[in-house]
Amino acid sequence: MSTSQAIKSKNVGYTHFVSLPLTLPDEMVTKLNNFKNSALQTNKGLGIDKSIFIKPNTLHLTVQMLKLWNTDRIEAAADVLRRVSPKVMDALERRPVYIRLKGLECMPDRGTPPKAYVVHAPLEVIGGGIDRLKRACRVIIDAFIEAGLVLEKDANRGLLLHATLMNAGNSKSSKTSGKTEPFDARTIFAQYGSEEWGECYIREAHLSQRFVYDGNGYFHCCASIPFPEEKQGAFPMMKNSFQKMFSTAK
């Protein structure tokens, strides 16, 4: 199978992705865990089980999905990410990025609250820095496209920065049967549709491997580049160990 055939083949799934890991304060971790426990208690029989909830220590923003099926492609992708680091810093104007997550939405063309597949928390960049963040993501995406590592359909897809909280594709039944069934999220939207999840900090961008995890619980890091450092005292919410969780993954 040629490279072009392999990358387009439905039999070759996404193996990696460029992610922006989110550094969460303790109170946000608690809120997300309470959300899961409450939803499981009040939505029994609606296709909801604990396996569809995203663990707080894997919460992230997805920049680009990738199919990297051999070592050469993984190394090429890691090199692309490292080389683009100075341009990313310039796009961010060398200022740190803090975001706020609020409410719930279904992914576009991925269901509605009565038949949801993916539920995410929309974000806003604190201090009006959404353009900086989008520019940085665009720099990364364009570099991977130029390197020939992105599917054509993905290259033409618009950037939707979001933090997935629930994904039906992670359910045990989906993994067993190979078929993803939607879940009824109407009660969840009624209760948490306007929830203030909290504020968090983006420390870096990762080339992450799907379904493989490092000791800190986050996706295996094949390569990473830093974002501008957090300003001392600018974000006092950051008190927990998540501030240091990625230092062991380098």
C-alpha atoms as a PDB file:
ATOM      1  CA  MET A   1       0.000   0.000   0.000  1.00  0.00           C
ATOM      2  CA  SER A   2       1.378   3.384  -1.013  1.00  0.00           C
ATOM      3  CA  THR A   3       1.572   6.336   1.351  1.00  0.00           C
ATOM      4  CA  SER A   4      -1.344   8.076  -0.391  1.00  0.00           C
ATOM      5  CA  GLN A   5      -3.451   4.897  -0.274  1.00  0.00           C
ATOM      6  CA  ALA A   6      -2.634   4.248   3.366  1.00  0.00           C
ATOM      7  CA  ILE A   7      -3.397   7.720   4.604  1.00  0.00           C
ATOM      8  CA  LYS A   8      -6.802   7.693   2.876  1.00  0.00           C
ATOM      9  CA  SER A   9      -7.710   4.144   3.858  1.00  0.00           C
ATOM     10  CA  LYS A  10     -10.560   3.705   6.329  1.00  0.00           C
ATOM     11  CA  ASN A  11      -8.673   0.679   7.641  1.00  0.00           C
ATOM     12  CA  VAL A  12      -5.898   2.923   8.947  1.00  0.00           C
ATOM     13  CA  GLY A  13      -7.297   4.831  11.902  1.00  0.00           C
ATOM     14  CA  TYR A  14      -6.003   8.004  13.481  1.00  0.00           C
ATOM     15  CA  THR A  15      -2.996   7.050  15.563  1.00  0.00           C
ATOM     16  CA  HIS A  16      -1.789  10.421  16.862  1.00  0.00           C
ATOM     17  CA  PHE A  17      -2.923  13.996  17.259  1.00  0.00           C
ATOM     18  CA  VAL A  18      -1.531  17.401  18.103  1.00  0.00           C
ATOM     19  CA  SER A  19      -2.971  18.345  21.478  1.00  0.00           C
ATOM     20  CA  LEU A  20      -2.873  21.264  23.874  1.00  0.00           C
ATOM     21  CA  PRO A  21      -2.932  19.684  27.360  1.00  0.00           C
ATOM     22  CA  LEU A  22      -4.907  21.722  29.879  1.00  0.00           C
ATOM     23  CA  THR A  23      -3.433  22.432  33.298  1.00  0.00           C
ATOM     24  CA  LEU A  24      -6.371  22.290  35.704  1.00  0.00           C
ATOM     25  CA  PRO A  25      -6.765  23.741  39.207  1.00  0.00           C
ATOM     26  CA  ASP A  26      -7.990  21.450  41.999  1.00  0.00           C
ATOM     27  CA  GLU A  27     -11.466  22.964  42.073  1.00  0.00           C
ATOM     28  CA  MET A  28     -11.964  22.293  38.368  1.00  0.00           C
ATOM     29  CA  VAL A  29     -10.932  18.649  38.769  1.00  0.00           C
ATOM     30  CA  THR A  30     -13.444  18.325  41.617  1.00  0.00           C
ATOM     31  CA  LYS A  31     -16.178  19.950  39.538  1.00  0.00           C
ATOM     32  CA  LEU A  32     -15.590  17.591  36.606  1.00  0.00           C
ATOM     33  CA  ASN A  33     -15.611  14.533  38.871  1.00  0.00           C
ATOM     34  CA  ASN A  34     -18.848  15.720  40.503  1.00  0.00           C
ATOM     35  CA  PHE A  35     -20.325  16.249  37.039  1.00  0.00           C
ATOM     36  CA  LYS A  36     -19.565  12.650  36.105  1.00  0.00           C
ATOM     37  CA  ASN A  37     -20.924  11.211  39.347  1.00  0.00           C
ATOM     38  CA  SER A  38     -24.107  13.281  39.162  1.00  0.00           C
ATOM     39  CA  ALA A  39     -24.714  12.406  35.508  1.00  0.00           C
ATOM     40  CA  LEU A  40     -24.279   8.696  36.208  1.00  0.00           C
ATOM     41  CA  GLN A  41     -26.735   8.840  39.107  1.00  0.00           C
ATOM     42  CA  THR A  42     -29.476  10.778  37.313  1.00  0.00           C
ATOM     43  CA  ASN A  43     -29.227   9.289  33.822  1.00  0.00           C
ATOM     44  CA  LYS A  44     -29.353   5.539  34.353  1.00  0.00           C
ATOM     45  CA  GLY A  45     -30.669   3.659  31.354  1.00  0.00           C
ATOM     46  CA  LEU A  46     -29.933   6.483  28.891  1.00  0.00           C
ATOM     47  CA  GLY A  47     -26.832   4.973  27.332  1.00  0.00           C
ATOM     48  CA  ILE A  48     -24.470   6.699  29.741  1.00  0.00           C
ATOM     49  CA  ASP A  49     -21.690   4.816  31.528  1.00  0.00           C
ATOM     50  CA  LYS A  50     -18.523   6.030  33.200  1.00  0.00           C
ATOM     51  CA  SER A  51     -16.316   5.018  30.281  1.00  0.00           C
ATOM     52  CA  ILE A  52     -17.623   7.872  28.085  1.00  0.00           C
ATOM     53  CA  PHE A  53     -16.438  10.596  30.475  1.00  0.00           C
ATOM     54  CA  ILE A  54     -13.030  12.133  29.784  1.00  0.00           C
ATOM     55  CA  LYS A  55     -10.654  11.902  32.740  1.00  0.00           C
ATOM     56  CA  PRO A  56      -9.564  15.327  34.047  1.00  0.00           C
ATOM     57  CA  ASN A  57      -5.871  14.504  33.640  1.00  0.00           C
ATOM     58  CA  THR A  58      -6.404  13.898  29.898  1.00  0.00           C
ATOM     59  CA  LEU A  59      -8.440  17.042  29.238  1.00  0.00           C
ATOM     60  CA  HIS A  60      -7.070  18.841  26.198  1.00  0.00           C
ATOM     61  CA  LEU A  61      -7.774  20.863  23.080  1.00  0.00           C
ATOM     62  CA  THR A  62      -7.301  18.998  19.798  1.00  0.00           C
ATOM     63  CA  VAL A  63      -5.433  20.883  17.086  1.00  0.00           C
ATOM     64  CA  GLN A  64      -4.976  18.209  14.399  1.00  0.00           C
ATOM     65  CA  MET A  65      -5.712  14.490  13.994  1.00  0.00           C
ATOM     66  CA  LEU A  66      -3.008  12.416  12.289  1.00  0.00           C
ATOM     67  CA  LYS A  67      -2.392   8.980  10.778  1.00  0.00           C
ATOM     68  CA  LEU A  68       1.188   8.005  11.606  1.00  0.00           C
ATOM     69  CA  TRP A  69       1.433   4.262  11.056  1.00  0.00           C
ATOM     70  CA  ASN A  70       5.201   3.789  11.129  1.00  0.00           C
ATOM     71  CA  THR A  71       8.285   5.088  12.886  1.00  0.00           C
ATOM     72  CA  ASP A  72       9.375   7.259   9.965  1.00  0.00           C
ATOM     73  CA  ARG A  73       6.094   9.167   9.931  1.00  0.00           C
ATOM     74  CA  ILE A  74       6.124   9.585  13.713  1.00  0.00           C
ATOM     75  CA  GLU A  75       9.671  10.972  13.596  1.00  0.00           C
ATOM     76  CA  ALA A  76       8.735  13.260  10.712  1.00  0.00           C
ATOM     77  CA  ALA A  77       5.749  14.596  12.660  1.00  0.00           C
ATOM     78  CA  ALA A  78       7.853  15.153  15.772  1.00  0.00           C
ATOM     79  CA  ASP A  79      10.390  17.067  13.676  1.00  0.00           C
ATOM     80  CA  VAL A  80       7.637  19.243  12.147  1.00  0.00           C
ATOM     81  CA  LEU A  81       6.347  20.176  15.595  1.00  0.00           C
ATOM     82  CA  ARG A  82       9.803  21.023  16.940  1.00  0.00           C
ATOM     83  CA  ARG A  83      10.757  23.111  13.908  1.00  0.00           C
ATOM     84  CA  VAL A  84       7.603  25.193  14.075  1.00  0.00           C
ATOM     85  CA  SER A  85       8.148  26.183  17.715  1.00  0.00           C
ATOM     86  CA  PRO A  86       9.601  29.689  17.048  1.00  0.00           C
ATOM     87  CA  LYS A  87       6.684  30.564  14.745  1.00  0.00           C
ATOM     88  CA  VAL A  88       4.203  29.374  17.382  1.00  0.00           C
ATOM     89  CA  MET A  89       5.841  31.604  19.967  1.00  0.00           C
ATOM     90  CA  ASP A  90       5.619  34.544  17.571  1.00  0.00           C
ATOM     91  CA  ALA A  91       1.945  33.827  16.852  1.00  0.00           C
ATOM     92  CA  LEU A  92       1.261  33.841  20.606  1.00  0.00           C
ATOM     93  CA  GLU A  93       3.161  37.144  20.869  1.00  0.00           C
ATOM     94  CA  ARG A  94       5.236  35.422  23.572  1.00  0.00           C
ATOM     95  CA  ARG A  95       2.427  35.876  26.071  1.00  0.00           C
ATOM     96  CA  PRO A  96       0.893  33.006  28.107  1.00  0.00           C
ATOM     97  CA  VAL A  97      -2.531  31.603  27.245  1.00  0.00           C
ATOM     98  CA  TYR A  98      -5.252  31.209  29.862  1.00  0.00           C
ATOM     99  CA  ILE A  99      -8.658  29.873  28.905  1.00  0.00           C
ATOM    100  CA  ARG A 100     -12.092  29.572  30.499  1.00  0.00           C
ATOM    101  CA  LEU A 101     -14.458  26.654  29.866  1.00  0.00           C
ATOM    102  CA  LYS A 102     -18.181  27.269  30.121  1.00  0.00           C
ATOM    103  CA  GLY A 103     -21.330  25.341  29.240  1.00  0.00           C
ATOM    104  CA  LEU A 104     -21.904  22.327  27.005  1.00  0.00           C
ATOM    105  CA  GLU A 105     -22.326  21.790  23.285  1.00  0.00           C
ATOM    106  CA  CYS A 106     -22.657  18.803  20.972  1.00  0.00           C
ATOM    107  CA  MET A 107     -20.014  18.584  18.295  1.00  0.00           C
ATOM    108  CA  PRO A 108     -21.284  19.879  14.946  1.00  0.00           C
ATOM    109  CA  ASP A 109     -22.767  17.020  12.865  1.00  0.00           C
ATOM    110  CA  ARG A 110     -22.092  14.690  15.801  1.00  0.00           C
ATOM    111  CA  GLY A 111     -25.576  14.489  17.242  1.00  0.00           C
ATOM    112  CA  THR A 112     -27.939  16.587  19.338  1.00  0.00           C
ATOM    113  CA  PRO A 113     -28.718  16.423  23.081  1.00  0.00           C
ATOM    114  CA  PRO A 114     -31.375  13.674  22.582  1.00  0.00           C
ATOM    115  CA  LYS A 115     -28.879  11.619  20.537  1.00  0.00           C
ATOM    116  CA  ALA A 116     -25.416  12.831  21.467  1.00  0.00           C
ATOM    117  CA  TYR A 117     -22.105  11.313  20.435  1.00  0.00           C
ATOM    118  CA  VAL A 118     -19.587  13.919  21.606  1.00  0.00           C
ATOM    119  CA  VAL A 119     -20.273  16.595  24.230  1.00  0.00           C
ATOM    120  CA  HIS A 120     -17.705  19.312  24.765  1.00  0.00           C
ATOM    121  CA  ALA A 121     -17.150  22.493  26.743  1.00  0.00           C
ATOM    122  CA  PRO A 122     -16.702  25.612  24.586  1.00  0.00           C
ATOM    123  CA  LEU A 123     -13.840  27.901  25.503  1.00  0.00           C
ATOM    124  CA  GLU A 124     -12.928  31.524  25.592  1.00  0.00           C
ATOM    125  CA  VAL A 125      -9.411  32.860  25.929  1.00  0.00           C
ATOM    126  CA  ILE A 126      -9.046  35.106  28.957  1.00  0.00           C
ATOM    127  CA  GLY A 127      -7.871  38.572  28.080  1.00  0.00           C
ATOM    128  CA  GLY A 128      -9.178  38.387  24.518  1.00  0.00           C
ATOM    129  CA  GLY A 129      -6.349  36.216  23.223  1.00  0.00           C
ATOM    130  CA  ILE A 130      -8.442  33.879  21.067  1.00  0.00           C
ATOM    131  CA  ASP A 131      -6.886  35.268  17.877  1.00  0.00           C
ATOM    132  CA  ARG A 132      -3.385  34.575  19.207  1.00  0.00           C
ATOM    133  CA  LEU A 133      -4.312  30.994  20.040  1.00  0.00           C
ATOM    134  CA  LYS A 134      -6.015  30.379  16.701  1.00  0.00           C
ATOM    135  CA  ARG A 135      -3.043  31.824  14.831  1.00  0.00           C
ATOM    136  CA  ALA A 136      -0.687  29.517  16.724  1.00  0.00           C
ATOM    137  CA  CYS A 137      -2.857  26.505  15.951  1.00  0.00           C
ATOM    138  CA  ARG A 138      -3.016  27.535  12.297  1.00  0.00           C
ATOM    139  CA  VAL A 139       0.782  27.710  12.168  1.00  0.00           C
ATOM    140  CA  ILE A 140       0.966  24.142  13.495  1.00  0.00           C
ATOM    141  CA  ILE A 141      -1.729  22.822  11.158  1.00  0.00           C
ATOM    142  CA  ASP A 142      -0.205  24.451   8.077  1.00  0.00           C
ATOM    143  CA  ALA A 143       3.197  22.959   8.902  1.00  0.00           C
ATOM    144  CA  PHE A 144       1.742  19.445   9.080  1.00  0.00           C
ATOM    145  CA  ILE A 145      -0.213  19.969   5.859  1.00  0.00           C
ATOM    146  CA  GLU A 146       2.914  21.184   4.076  1.00  0.00           C
ATOM    147  CA  ALA A 147       4.752  18.083   5.306  1.00  0.00           C
ATOM    148  CA  GLY A 148       2.074  15.845   3.741  1.00  0.00           C
ATOM    149  CA  LEU A 149       0.987  14.379   7.075  1.00  0.00           C
ATOM    150  CA  VAL A 150      -2.666  15.493   7.050  1.00  0.00           C
ATOM    151  CA  LEU A 151      -5.670  13.959   5.295  1.00  0.00           C
ATOM    152  CA  GLU A 152      -7.155  16.196   2.605  1.00  0.00           C
ATOM    153  CA  LYS A 153     -10.574  16.150   4.297  1.00  0.00           C
ATOM    154  CA  ASP A 154      -8.963  17.176   7.586  1.00  0.00           C
ATOM    155  CA  ALA A 155      -6.906  19.899   5.929  1.00  0.00           C
ATOM    156  CA  ASN A 156     -10.120  21.487   4.674  1.00  0.00           C
ATOM    157  CA  ARG A 157     -11.900  21.258   8.019  1.00  0.00           C
ATOM    158  CA  GLY A 158     -12.243  24.402  10.091  1.00  0.00           C
ATOM    159  CA  LEU A 159     -10.558  24.679  13.474  1.00  0.00           C
ATOM    160  CA  LEU A 160     -12.935  24.163  16.402  1.00  0.00           C
ATOM    161  CA  LEU A 161     -11.114  24.531  19.701  1.00  0.00           C
ATOM    162  CA  HIS A 162     -12.991  22.656  22.400  1.00  0.00           C
ATOM    163  CA  ALA A 163     -12.504  20.403  25.407  1.00  0.00           C
ATOM    164  CA  THR A 164     -14.342  17.096  25.035  1.00  0.00           C
ATOM    165  CA  LEU A 165     -16.067  15.980  28.244  1.00  0.00           C
ATOM    166  CA  MET A 166     -18.057  12.977  26.983  1.00  0.00           C
ATOM    167  CA  ASN A 167     -17.427  10.719  23.982  1.00  0.00           C
ATOM    168  CA  ALA A 168     -19.699   7.792  23.093  1.00  0.00           C
ATOM    169  CA  GLY A 169     -16.860   6.298  21.073  1.00  0.00           C
ATOM    170  CA  ASN A 170     -15.050   5.507  24.340  1.00  0.00           C
ATOM    171  CA  SER A 171     -17.889   3.354  25.698  1.00  0.00           C
ATOM    172  CA  LYS A 172     -17.234  -0.289  26.453  1.00  0.00           C
ATOM    173  CA  SER A 173     -20.094  -1.352  24.175  1.00  0.00           C
ATOM    174  CA  SER A 174     -18.595   0.620  21.261  1.00  0.00           C
ATOM    175  CA  LYS A 175     -15.230  -1.042  21.694  1.00  0.00           C
ATOM    176  CA  THR A 176     -16.872  -4.478  21.914  1.00  0.00           C
ATOM    177  CA  SER A 177     -19.308  -4.156  19.016  1.00  0.00           C
ATOM    178  CA  GLY A 178     -17.392  -1.721  16.829  1.00  0.00           C
ATOM    179  CA  LYS A 179     -20.530   0.416  16.585  1.00  0.00           C
ATOM    180  CA  THR A 180     -20.971   3.705  18.415  1.00  0.00           C
ATOM    181  CA  GLU A 181     -24.420   4.329  19.867  1.00  0.00           C
ATOM    182  CA  PRO A 182     -25.558   7.833  20.924  1.00  0.00           C
ATOM    183  CA  PHE A 183     -26.666   8.710  24.444  1.00  0.00           C
ATOM    184  CA  ASP A 184     -29.476  10.906  25.725  1.00  0.00           C
ATOM    185  CA  ALA A 185     -27.884  14.068  27.136  1.00  0.00           C
ATOM    186  CA  ARG A 186     -30.997  16.216  27.550  1.00  0.00           C
ATOM    187  CA  THR A 187     -30.997  16.040  31.337  1.00  0.00           C
ATOM    188  CA  ILE A 188     -27.276  16.749  31.417  1.00  0.00           C
ATOM    189  CA  PHE A 189     -27.711  19.818  29.207  1.00  0.00           C
ATOM    190  CA  ALA A 190     -30.598  21.041  31.356  1.00  0.00           C
ATOM    191  CA  GLN A 191     -28.451  20.814  34.491  1.00  0.00           C
ATOM    192  CA  TYR A 192     -25.001  21.731  33.196  1.00  0.00           C
ATOM    193  CA  GLY A 193     -25.622  23.596  29.940  1.00  0.00           C
ATOM    194  CA  SER A 194     -24.449  26.895  31.455  1.00  0.00           C
ATOM    195  CA  GLU A 195     -21.943  25.496  33.938  1.00  0.00           C
ATOM    196  CA  GLU A 196     -18.834  27.536  34.676  1.00  0.00           C
ATOM    197  CA  TRP A 197     -16.206  24.790  34.603  1.00  0.00           C
ATOM    198  CA  GLY A 198     -13.319  27.066  35.428  1.00  0.00           C
ATOM    199  CA  GLU A 199     -10.091  28.561  34.148  1.00  0.00           C
ATOM    200  CA  CYS A 200      -6.958  26.742  33.081  1.00  0.00           C
ATOM    201  CA  TYR A 201      -3.558  27.309  31.520  1.00  0.00           C
ATOM    202  CA  ILE A 202      -1.982  25.995  28.308  1.00  0.00           C
ATOM    203  CA  ARG A 203       1.665  25.140  28.938  1.00  0.00           C
ATOM    204  CA  GLU A 204       2.632  23.452  25.678  1.00  0.00           C
ATOM    205  CA  ALA A 205       1.643  21.598  22.520  1.00  0.00           C
ATOM    206  CA  HIS A 206       2.135  17.834  22.255  1.00  0.00           C
ATOM    207  CA  LEU A 207       2.372  15.263  19.511  1.00  0.00           C
ATOM    208  CA  SER A 208       0.241  12.746  21.394  1.00  0.00           C
ATOM    209  CA  GLN A 209      -0.238   9.034  20.731  1.00  0.00           C
ATOM    210  CA  ARG A 210      -3.811   7.796  21.023  1.00  0.00           C
ATOM    211  CA  PHE A 211      -4.668   4.961  23.444  1.00  0.00           C
ATOM    212  CA  VAL A 212      -1.192   5.016  25.035  1.00  0.00           C
ATOM    213  CA  TYR A 213      -0.535   6.876  28.286  1.00  0.00           C
ATOM    214  CA  ASP A 214       2.498   8.112  30.168  1.00  0.00           C
ATOM    215  CA  GLY A 215       2.998   7.767  33.918  1.00  0.00           C
ATOM    216  CA  ASN A 216       1.207  11.056  34.560  1.00  0.00           C
ATOM    217  CA  GLY A 217      -1.976   9.653  33.006  1.00  0.00           C
ATOM    218  CA  TYR A 218      -1.835  11.851  29.907  1.00  0.00           C
ATOM    219  CA  PHE A 219      -1.456  10.569  26.349  1.00  0.00           C
ATOM    220  CA  HIS A 220       2.036   9.414  25.460  1.00  0.00           C
ATOM    221  CA  CYS A 221       4.111  12.402  24.390  1.00  0.00           C
ATOM    222  CA  CYS A 222       6.138  11.788  21.225  1.00  0.00           C
ATOM    223  CA  ALA A 223       7.313  15.409  21.083  1.00  0.00           C
ATOM    224  CA  SER A 224       6.380  18.740  22.611  1.00  0.00           C
ATOM    225  CA  ILE A 225       7.003  22.455  22.283  1.00  0.00           C
ATOM    226  CA  PRO A 226       6.512  25.056  25.017  1.00  0.00           C
ATOM    227  CA  PHE A 227       3.990  27.856  25.103  1.00  0.00           C
ATOM    228  CA  PRO A 228       4.955  31.145  26.761  1.00  0.00           C
ATOM    229  CA  GLU A 229       5.470  30.668  30.483  1.00  0.00           C
ATOM    230  CA  GLU A 230       2.826  31.547  33.022  1.00  0.00           C
ATOM    231  CA  LYS A 231       3.436  34.915  34.625  1.00  0.00           C
ATOM    232  CA  GLN A 232       4.246  34.722  38.307  1.00  0.00           C
ATOM    233  CA  GLY A 233       1.092  35.388  40.310  1.00  0.00           C
ATOM    234  CA  ALA A 234      -1.036  35.917  37.192  1.00  0.00           C
ATOM    235  CA  PHE A 235      -3.103  32.795  37.722  1.00  0.00           C
ATOM    236  CA  PRO A 236      -3.299  32.036  41.455  1.00  0.00           C
ATOM    237  CA  MET A 237      -5.784  29.189  40.929  1.00  0.00           C
ATOM    238  CA  MET A 238      -2.941  26.905  39.857  1.00  0.00           C
ATOM    239  CA  LYS A 239      -2.035  25.172  43.107  1.00  0.00           C
ATOM    240  CA  ASN A 240      -2.142  21.469  42.373  1.00  0.00           C
ATOM    241  CA  SER A 241       0.165  18.868  40.939  1.00  0.00           C
ATOM    242  CA  PHE A 242      -1.197  19.296  37.423  1.00  0.00           C
ATOM    243  CA  GLN A 243       1.208  22.210  37.068  1.00  0.00           C
ATOM    244  CA  LYS A 244       4.082  19.718  37.116  1.00  0.00           C
ATOM    245  CA  MET A 245       2.424  16.681  35.542  1.00  0.00           C
ATOM    246  CA  PHE A 246       4.038  17.096  32.120  1.00  0.00           C
ATOM    247  CA  SER A 247       7.569  17.695  33.330  1.00  0.00           C
ATOM    248  CA  THR A 248       8.013  13.914  33.627  1.00  0.00           C
ATOM    249  CA  ALA A 249       6.871  13.246  30.070  1.00  0.00           C
ATOM    250  CA  LYS A 250       9.720  14.911  28.215  1.00  0.00           C
END
